[in-house]
């Protein structure tokens, strides 16, 4: 196969658009768009660590994600 259904070559990526500061209340955010796929990102900052980490001199990073209902053509 030398091209994809949308006529891109197999090595070509979809065009990507990144919109910074997309959310008003997050410390950091962006919206990333790949044609009809849109992914919002938000970053929050809290100047603290979990109780069990206090006094250790170490930080704490956590992450979570969620998929919107019916984000694909089939229910999952």
PDB file of N, CA and C in Angstrom:
ATOM      1  N   UNK A   1       0.857  -1.183   0.000  1.00  0.00           N
ATOM      2  CA  UNK A   1       0.000   0.000   0.000  1.00  0.00           C
ATOM      3  C   UNK A   1       0.901   1.243   0.000  1.00  0.00           C
ATOM      4  N   UNK A   2       0.673   2.139  -0.905  1.00  0.00           N
ATOM      5  CA  UNK A   2       1.518   3.327  -1.018  1.00  0.00           C
ATOM      6  C   UNK A   2       0.856   4.591  -0.500  1.00  0.00           C
ATOM      7  N   UNK A   3      -0.447   4.519  -0.215  1.00  0.00           N
ATOM      8  CA  UNK A   3      -1.113   5.688   0.342  1.00  0.00           C
ATOM      9  C   UNK A   3      -2.274   5.247   1.228  1.00  0.00           C
ATOM     10  N   UNK A   4      -2.788   6.188   1.979  1.00  0.00           N
ATOM     11  CA  UNK A   4      -3.905   5.921   2.888  1.00  0.00           C
ATOM     12  C   UNK A   4      -5.211   6.339   2.225  1.00  0.00           C
ATOM     13  N   UNK A   5      -6.320   6.053   2.885  1.00  0.00           N
ATOM     14  CA  UNK A   5      -7.633   6.391   2.336  1.00  0.00           C
ATOM     15  C   UNK A   5      -7.784   7.884   2.082  1.00  0.00           C
ATOM     16  N   UNK A   6      -7.116   8.710   2.888  1.00  0.00           N
ATOM     17  CA  UNK A   6      -7.220  10.158   2.692  1.00  0.00           C
ATOM     18  C   UNK A   6      -6.103  10.686   1.792  1.00  0.00           C
ATOM     19  N   UNK A   7      -5.434   9.798   1.079  1.00  0.00           N
ATOM     20  CA  UNK A   7      -4.391  10.074   0.084  1.00  0.00           C
ATOM     21  C   UNK A   7      -3.045  10.491   0.677  1.00  0.00           C
ATOM     22  N   UNK A   8      -2.870  10.390   2.002  1.00  0.00           N
ATOM     23  CA  UNK A   8      -1.551  10.635   2.578  1.00  0.00           C
ATOM     24  C   UNK A   8      -0.669   9.438   2.298  1.00  0.00           C
ATOM     25  N   UNK A   9       0.616   9.671   2.166  1.00  0.00           N
ATOM     26  CA  UNK A   9       1.566   8.567   2.062  1.00  0.00           C
ATOM     27  C   UNK A   9       1.635   7.859   3.409  1.00  0.00           C
ATOM     28  N   UNK A  10       2.086   6.619   3.424  1.00  0.00           N
ATOM     29  CA  UNK A  10       2.105   5.846   4.665  1.00  0.00           C
ATOM     30  C   UNK A  10       2.989   6.486   5.727  1.00  0.00           C
ATOM     31  N   UNK A  11       3.963   7.266   5.364  1.00  0.00           N
ATOM     32  CA  UNK A  11       4.861   7.906   6.329  1.00  0.00           C
ATOM     33  C   UNK A  11       4.387   9.302   6.753  1.00  0.00           C
ATOM     34  N   UNK A  12       3.318   9.817   6.142  1.00  0.00           N
ATOM     35  CA  UNK A  12       2.840  11.165   6.466  1.00  0.00           C
ATOM     36  C   UNK A  12       1.879  11.142   7.648  1.00  0.00           C
ATOM     37  N   UNK A  13       2.067  12.103   8.561  1.00  0.00           N
ATOM     38  CA  UNK A  13       1.155  12.275   9.683  1.00  0.00           C
ATOM     39  C   UNK A  13      -0.027  13.133   9.261  1.00  0.00           C
ATOM     40  N   UNK A  14      -1.129  13.020   9.981  1.00  0.00           N
ATOM     41  CA  UNK A  14      -2.250  13.927   9.764  1.00  0.00           C
ATOM     42  C   UNK A  14      -1.831  15.324  10.197  1.00  0.00           C
ATOM     43  N   UNK A  15      -2.362  16.365   9.573  1.00  0.00           N
ATOM     44  CA  UNK A  15      -2.068  17.720  10.041  1.00  0.00           C
ATOM     45  C   UNK A  15      -2.530  17.877  11.492  1.00  0.00           C
ATOM     46  N   UNK A  16      -1.728  18.551  12.296  1.00  0.00           N
ATOM     47  CA  UNK A  16      -2.012  18.729  13.713  1.00  0.00           C
ATOM     48  C   UNK A  16      -2.116  20.215  14.020  1.00  0.00           C
ATOM     49  N   UNK A  17      -3.148  20.582  14.783  1.00  0.00           N
ATOM     50  CA  UNK A  17      -3.312  21.959  15.253  1.00  0.00           C
ATOM     51  C   UNK A  17      -3.304  21.937  16.778  1.00  0.00           C
ATOM     52  N   UNK A  18      -2.504  22.802  17.386  1.00  0.00           N
ATOM     53  CA  UNK A  18      -2.452  22.904  18.849  1.00  0.00           C
ATOM     54  C   UNK A  18      -2.863  24.319  19.246  1.00  0.00           C
ATOM     55  N   UNK A  19      -3.929  24.419  20.031  1.00  0.00           N
ATOM     56  CA  UNK A  19      -4.411  25.704  20.527  1.00  0.00           C
ATOM     57  C   UNK A  19      -4.064  25.799  22.003  1.00  0.00           C
ATOM     58  N   UNK A  20      -3.171  26.712  22.353  1.00  0.00           N
ATOM     59  CA  UNK A  20      -2.748  26.880  23.740  1.00  0.00           C
ATOM     60  C   UNK A  20      -3.770  27.677  24.544  1.00  0.00           C
ATOM     61  N   UNK A  21      -3.732  27.515  25.860  1.00  0.00           N
ATOM     62  CA  UNK A  21      -4.615  28.239  26.793  1.00  0.00           C
ATOM     63  C   UNK A  21      -6.087  28.063  26.434  1.00  0.00           C
ATOM     64  N   UNK A  22      -6.477  26.849  26.132  1.00  0.00           N
ATOM     65  CA  UNK A  22      -7.828  26.564  25.656  1.00  0.00           C
ATOM     66  C   UNK A  22      -8.866  26.640  26.776  1.00  0.00           C
ATOM     67  N   UNK A  23      -8.475  26.285  27.991  1.00  0.00           N
ATOM     68  CA  UNK A  23      -9.397  26.349  29.124  1.00  0.00           C
ATOM     69  C   UNK A  23      -9.100  27.573  29.976  1.00  0.00           C
ATOM     70  N   UNK A  24     -10.135  28.216  30.429  1.00  0.00           N
ATOM     71  CA  UNK A  24      -9.982  29.460  31.184  1.00  0.00           C
ATOM     72  C   UNK A  24      -9.420  29.254  32.588  1.00  0.00           C
ATOM     73  N   UNK A  25      -9.794  28.164  33.270  1.00  0.00           N
ATOM     74  CA  UNK A  25      -9.471  28.045  34.686  1.00  0.00           C
ATOM     75  C   UNK A  25      -8.319  27.103  35.011  1.00  0.00           C
ATOM     76  N   UNK A  26      -7.785  26.387  34.043  1.00  0.00           N
ATOM     77  CA  UNK A  26      -6.654  25.492  34.311  1.00  0.00           C
ATOM     78  C   UNK A  26      -5.350  26.281  34.308  1.00  0.00           C
ATOM     79  N   UNK A  27      -4.395  25.838  35.121  1.00  0.00           N
ATOM     80  CA  UNK A  27      -3.092  26.507  35.144  1.00  0.00           C
ATOM     81  C   UNK A  27      -2.394  26.393  33.783  1.00  0.00           C
ATOM     82  N   UNK A  28      -2.649  25.323  33.078  1.00  0.00           N
ATOM     83  CA  UNK A  28      -2.133  25.146  31.728  1.00  0.00           C
ATOM     84  C   UNK A  28      -3.111  24.295  30.943  1.00  0.00           C
ATOM     85  N   UNK A  29      -3.296  24.579  29.660  1.00  0.00           N
ATOM     86  CA  UNK A  29      -4.224  23.774  28.865  1.00  0.00           C
ATOM     87  C   UNK A  29      -3.944  23.957  27.388  1.00  0.00           C
ATOM     88  N   UNK A  30      -4.442  23.001  26.607  1.00  0.00           N
ATOM     89  CA  UNK A  30      -4.392  23.135  25.151  1.00  0.00           C
ATOM     90  C   UNK A  30      -5.438  22.211  24.541  1.00  0.00           C
ATOM     91  N   UNK A  31      -5.753  22.464  23.299  1.00  0.00           N
ATOM     92  CA  UNK A  31      -6.625  21.605  22.505  1.00  0.00           C
ATOM     93  C   UNK A  31      -5.788  21.133  21.336  1.00  0.00           C
ATOM     94  N   UNK A  32      -5.677  19.813  21.167  1.00  0.00           N
ATOM     95  CA  UNK A  32      -4.926  19.252  20.049  1.00  0.00           C
ATOM     96  C   UNK A  32      -5.931  18.636  19.086  1.00  0.00           C
ATOM     97  N   UNK A  33      -5.819  19.001  17.809  1.00  0.00           N
ATOM     98  CA  UNK A  33      -6.754  18.519  16.786  1.00  0.00           C
ATOM     99  C   UNK A  33      -6.003  17.792  15.682  1.00  0.00           C
ATOM    100  N   UNK A  34      -6.466  16.586  15.375  1.00  0.00           N
ATOM    101  CA  UNK A  34      -5.995  15.781  14.254  1.00  0.00           C
ATOM    102  C   UNK A  34      -7.215  15.532  13.378  1.00  0.00           C
ATOM    103  N   UNK A  35      -7.466  16.375  12.429  1.00  0.00           N
ATOM    104  CA  UNK A  35      -8.664  16.313  11.581  1.00  0.00           C
ATOM    105  C   UNK A  35      -9.912  16.328  12.457  1.00  0.00           C
ATOM    106  N   UNK A  36     -10.696  15.258  12.523  1.00  0.00           N
ATOM    107  CA  UNK A  36     -11.922  15.289  13.335  1.00  0.00           C
ATOM    108  C   UNK A  36     -11.699  14.798  14.762  1.00  0.00           C
ATOM    109  N   UNK A  37     -10.485  14.436  15.113  1.00  0.00           N
ATOM    110  CA  UNK A  37     -10.175  14.035  16.479  1.00  0.00           C
ATOM    111  C   UNK A  37      -9.718  15.252  17.258  1.00  0.00           C
ATOM    112  N   UNK A  38     -10.376  15.519  18.372  1.00  0.00           N
ATOM    113  CA  UNK A  38     -10.030  16.667  19.218  1.00  0.00           C
ATOM    114  C   UNK A  38      -9.762  16.173  20.631  1.00  0.00           C
ATOM    115  N   UNK A  39      -8.612  16.559  21.163  1.00  0.00           N
ATOM    116  CA  UNK A  39      -8.219  16.099  22.495  1.00  0.00           C
ATOM    117  C   UNK A  39      -7.889  17.306  23.359  1.00  0.00           C
ATOM    118  N   UNK A  40      -8.712  17.585  24.380  1.00  0.00           N
ATOM    119  CA  UNK A  40      -8.400  18.681  25.297  1.00  0.00           C
ATOM    120  C   UNK A  40      -7.467  18.183  26.404  1.00  0.00           C
ATOM    121  N   UNK A  41      -6.512  19.011  26.779  1.00  0.00           N
ATOM    122  CA  UNK A  41      -5.585  18.700  27.858  1.00  0.00           C
ATOM    123  C   UNK A  41      -5.655  19.811  28.899  1.00  0.00           C
ATOM    124  N   UNK A  42      -5.532  19.436  30.152  1.00  0.00           N
ATOM    125  CA  UNK A  42      -5.487  20.429  31.225  1.00  0.00           C
ATOM    126  C   UNK A  42      -4.414  20.014  32.221  1.00  0.00           C
ATOM    127  N   UNK A  43      -3.687  20.985  32.724  1.00  0.00           N
ATOM    128  CA  UNK A  43      -2.674  20.741  33.755  1.00  0.00           C
ATOM    129  C   UNK A  43      -3.031  21.583  34.966  1.00  0.00           C
ATOM    130  N   UNK A  44      -2.952  20.965  36.120  1.00  0.00           N
ATOM    131  CA  UNK A  44      -3.231  21.660  37.377  1.00  0.00           C
ATOM    132  C   UNK A  44      -1.993  21.596  38.254  1.00  0.00           C
ATOM    133  N   UNK A  45      -1.869  22.551  39.143  1.00  0.00           N
ATOM    134  CA  UNK A  45      -0.731  22.592  40.054  1.00  0.00           C
ATOM    135  C   UNK A  45      -1.238  22.797  41.465  1.00  0.00           C
ATOM    136  N   UNK A  46      -0.745  21.977  42.374  1.00  0.00           N
ATOM    137  CA  UNK A  46      -1.022  22.131  43.792  1.00  0.00           C
ATOM    138  C   UNK A  46       0.320  22.104  44.502  1.00  0.00           C
ATOM    139  N   UNK A  47       0.583  23.078  45.321  1.00  0.00           N
ATOM    140  CA  UNK A  47       1.859  23.169  46.009  1.00  0.00           C
ATOM    141  C   UNK A  47       1.838  22.308  47.271  1.00  0.00           C
ATOM    142  N   UNK A  48       1.628  21.004  47.075  1.00  0.00           N
ATOM    143  CA  UNK A  48       1.599  20.070  48.207  1.00  0.00           C
ATOM    144  C   UNK A  48       1.855  18.661  47.677  1.00  0.00           C
ATOM    145  N   UNK A  49       2.023  17.742  48.600  1.00  0.00           N
ATOM    146  CA  UNK A  49       2.199  16.328  48.265  1.00  0.00           C
ATOM    147  C   UNK A  49       1.259  15.526  49.151  1.00  0.00           C
ATOM    148  N   UNK A  50       1.003  14.253  48.822  1.00  0.00           N
ATOM    149  CA  UNK A  50       0.178  13.427  49.707  1.00  0.00           C
ATOM    150  C   UNK A  50       0.820  13.326  51.092  1.00  0.00           C
ATOM    151  N   UNK A  51      -0.002  13.084  52.097  1.00  0.00           N
ATOM    152  CA  UNK A  51       0.474  13.019  53.479  1.00  0.00           C
ATOM    153  C   UNK A  51       1.671  12.094  53.642  1.00  0.00           C
ATOM    154  N   UNK A  52       1.624  10.943  53.000  1.00  0.00           N
ATOM    155  CA  UNK A  52       2.697   9.960  53.152  1.00  0.00           C
ATOM    156  C   UNK A  52       4.000  10.399  52.490  1.00  0.00           C
ATOM    157  N   UNK A  53       3.974  11.463  51.666  1.00  0.00           N
ATOM    158  CA  UNK A  53       5.165  11.984  50.996  1.00  0.00           C
ATOM    159  C   UNK A  53       5.772  13.182  51.740  1.00  0.00           C
ATOM    160  N   UNK A  54       5.025  13.770  52.657  1.00  0.00           N
ATOM    161  CA  UNK A  54       5.484  14.972  53.362  1.00  0.00           C
ATOM    162  C   UNK A  54       6.797  14.727  54.093  1.00  0.00           C
ATOM    163  N   UNK A  55       7.696  15.704  53.978  1.00  0.00           N
ATOM    164  CA  UNK A  55       8.981  15.625  54.650  1.00  0.00           C
ATOM    165  C   UNK A  55      10.008  14.750  53.956  1.00  0.00           C
ATOM    166  N   UNK A  56       9.647  14.128  52.848  1.00  0.00           N
ATOM    167  CA  UNK A  56      10.570  13.223  52.157  1.00  0.00           C
ATOM    168  C   UNK A  56      11.547  13.964  51.246  1.00  0.00           C
ATOM    169  N   UNK A  57      11.204  15.213  50.902  1.00  0.00           N
ATOM    170  CA  UNK A  57      12.033  15.947  49.946  1.00  0.00           C
ATOM    171  C   UNK A  57      11.728  15.582  48.501  1.00  0.00           C
ATOM    172  N   UNK A  58      10.764  14.694  48.304  1.00  0.00           N
ATOM    173  CA  UNK A  58      10.369  14.272  46.959  1.00  0.00           C
ATOM    174  C   UNK A  58       9.046  14.910  46.563  1.00  0.00           C
ATOM    175  N   UNK A  59       8.850  15.051  45.261  1.00  0.00           N
ATOM    176  CA  UNK A  59       7.602  15.592  44.738  1.00  0.00           C
ATOM    177  C   UNK A  59       6.624  14.488  44.410  1.00  0.00           C
ATOM    178  N   UNK A  60       5.537  14.889  43.760  1.00  0.00           N
ATOM    179  CA  UNK A  60       4.486  13.933  43.408  1.00  0.00           C
ATOM    180  C   UNK A  60       3.842  14.375  42.110  1.00  0.00           C
ATOM    181  N   UNK A  61       3.790  13.467  41.140  1.00  0.00           N
ATOM    182  CA  UNK A  61       3.127  13.740  39.862  1.00  0.00           C
ATOM    183  C   UNK A  61       2.084  12.659  39.659  1.00  0.00           C
ATOM    184  N   UNK A  62       0.899  13.055  39.252  1.00  0.00           N
ATOM    185  CA  UNK A  62      -0.150  12.093  38.971  1.00  0.00           C
ATOM    186  C   UNK A  62      -0.835  12.479  37.668  1.00  0.00           C
ATOM    187  N   UNK A  63      -1.486  11.524  37.047  1.00  0.00           N
ATOM    188  CA  UNK A  63      -2.170  11.789  35.776  1.00  0.00           C
ATOM    189  C   UNK A  63      -3.464  10.988  35.728  1.00  0.00           C
ATOM    190  N   UNK A  64      -4.401  11.488  34.969  1.00  0.00           N
ATOM    191  CA  UNK A  64      -5.657  10.766  34.752  1.00  0.00           C
ATOM    192  C   UNK A  64      -6.174  11.102  33.378  1.00  0.00           C
ATOM    193  N   UNK A  65      -7.017  10.256  32.853  1.00  0.00           N
ATOM    194  CA  UNK A  65      -7.629  10.546  31.559  1.00  0.00           C
ATOM    195  C   UNK A  65      -9.031   9.972  31.547  1.00  0.00           C
ATOM    196  N   UNK A  66      -9.837  10.483  30.644  1.00  0.00           N
ATOM    197  CA  UNK A  66     -11.186   9.969  30.461  1.00  0.00           C
ATOM    198  C   UNK A  66     -11.553  10.109  28.993  1.00  0.00           C
ATOM    199  N   UNK A  67     -12.326   9.177  28.496  1.00  0.00           N
ATOM    200  CA  UNK A  67     -12.784   9.239  27.117  1.00  0.00           C
ATOM    201  C   UNK A  67     -14.250   9.652  27.122  1.00  0.00           C
ATOM    202  N   UNK A  68     -14.589  10.573  26.270  1.00  0.00           N
ATOM    203  CA  UNK A  68     -15.972  11.030  26.192  1.00  0.00           C
ATOM    204  C   UNK A  68     -16.888   9.902  25.726  1.00  0.00           C
ATOM    205  N   UNK A  69     -18.097   9.914  26.205  1.00  0.00           N
ATOM    206  CA  UNK A  69     -19.078   8.919  25.759  1.00  0.00           C
ATOM    207  C   UNK A  69     -19.254   9.043  24.258  1.00  0.00           C
ATOM    208  N   UNK A  70     -19.280   7.925  23.606  1.00  0.00           N
ATOM    209  CA  UNK A  70     -19.472   7.857  22.141  1.00  0.00           C
ATOM    210  C   UNK A  70     -18.390   8.618  21.392  1.00  0.00           C
ATOM    211  N   UNK A  71     -17.170   8.572  21.889  1.00  0.00           N
ATOM    212  CA  UNK A  71     -16.054   9.204  21.201  1.00  0.00           C
ATOM    213  C   UNK A  71     -15.643   8.382  19.968  1.00  0.00           C
ATOM    214  N   UNK A  72     -16.152   7.155  19.866  1.00  0.00           N
ATOM    215  CA  UNK A  72     -15.897   6.325  18.688  1.00  0.00           C
ATOM    216  C   UNK A  72     -17.218   5.885  18.088  1.00  0.00           C
ATOM    217  N   UNK A  73     -17.146   5.269  16.926  1.00  0.00           N
ATOM    218  CA  UNK A  73     -18.400   4.885  16.239  1.00  0.00           C
ATOM    219  C   UNK A  73     -19.098   3.710  16.912  1.00  0.00           C
ATOM    220  N   UNK A  74     -18.378   2.983  17.759  1.00  0.00           N
ATOM    221  CA  UNK A  74     -19.007   1.874  18.499  1.00  0.00           C
ATOM    222  C   UNK A  74     -18.932   2.175  19.984  1.00  0.00           C
ATOM    223  N   UNK A  75     -19.902   1.684  20.732  1.00  0.00           N
ATOM    224  CA  UNK A  75     -19.919   1.922  22.172  1.00  0.00           C
ATOM    225  C   UNK A  75     -18.885   1.025  22.833  1.00  0.00           C
ATOM    226  N   UNK A  76     -18.107   1.589  23.747  1.00  0.00           N
ATOM    227  CA  UNK A  76     -17.103   0.782  24.446  1.00  0.00           C
ATOM    228  C   UNK A  76     -17.129   1.066  25.936  1.00  0.00           C
TER     229      UNK A  76
END
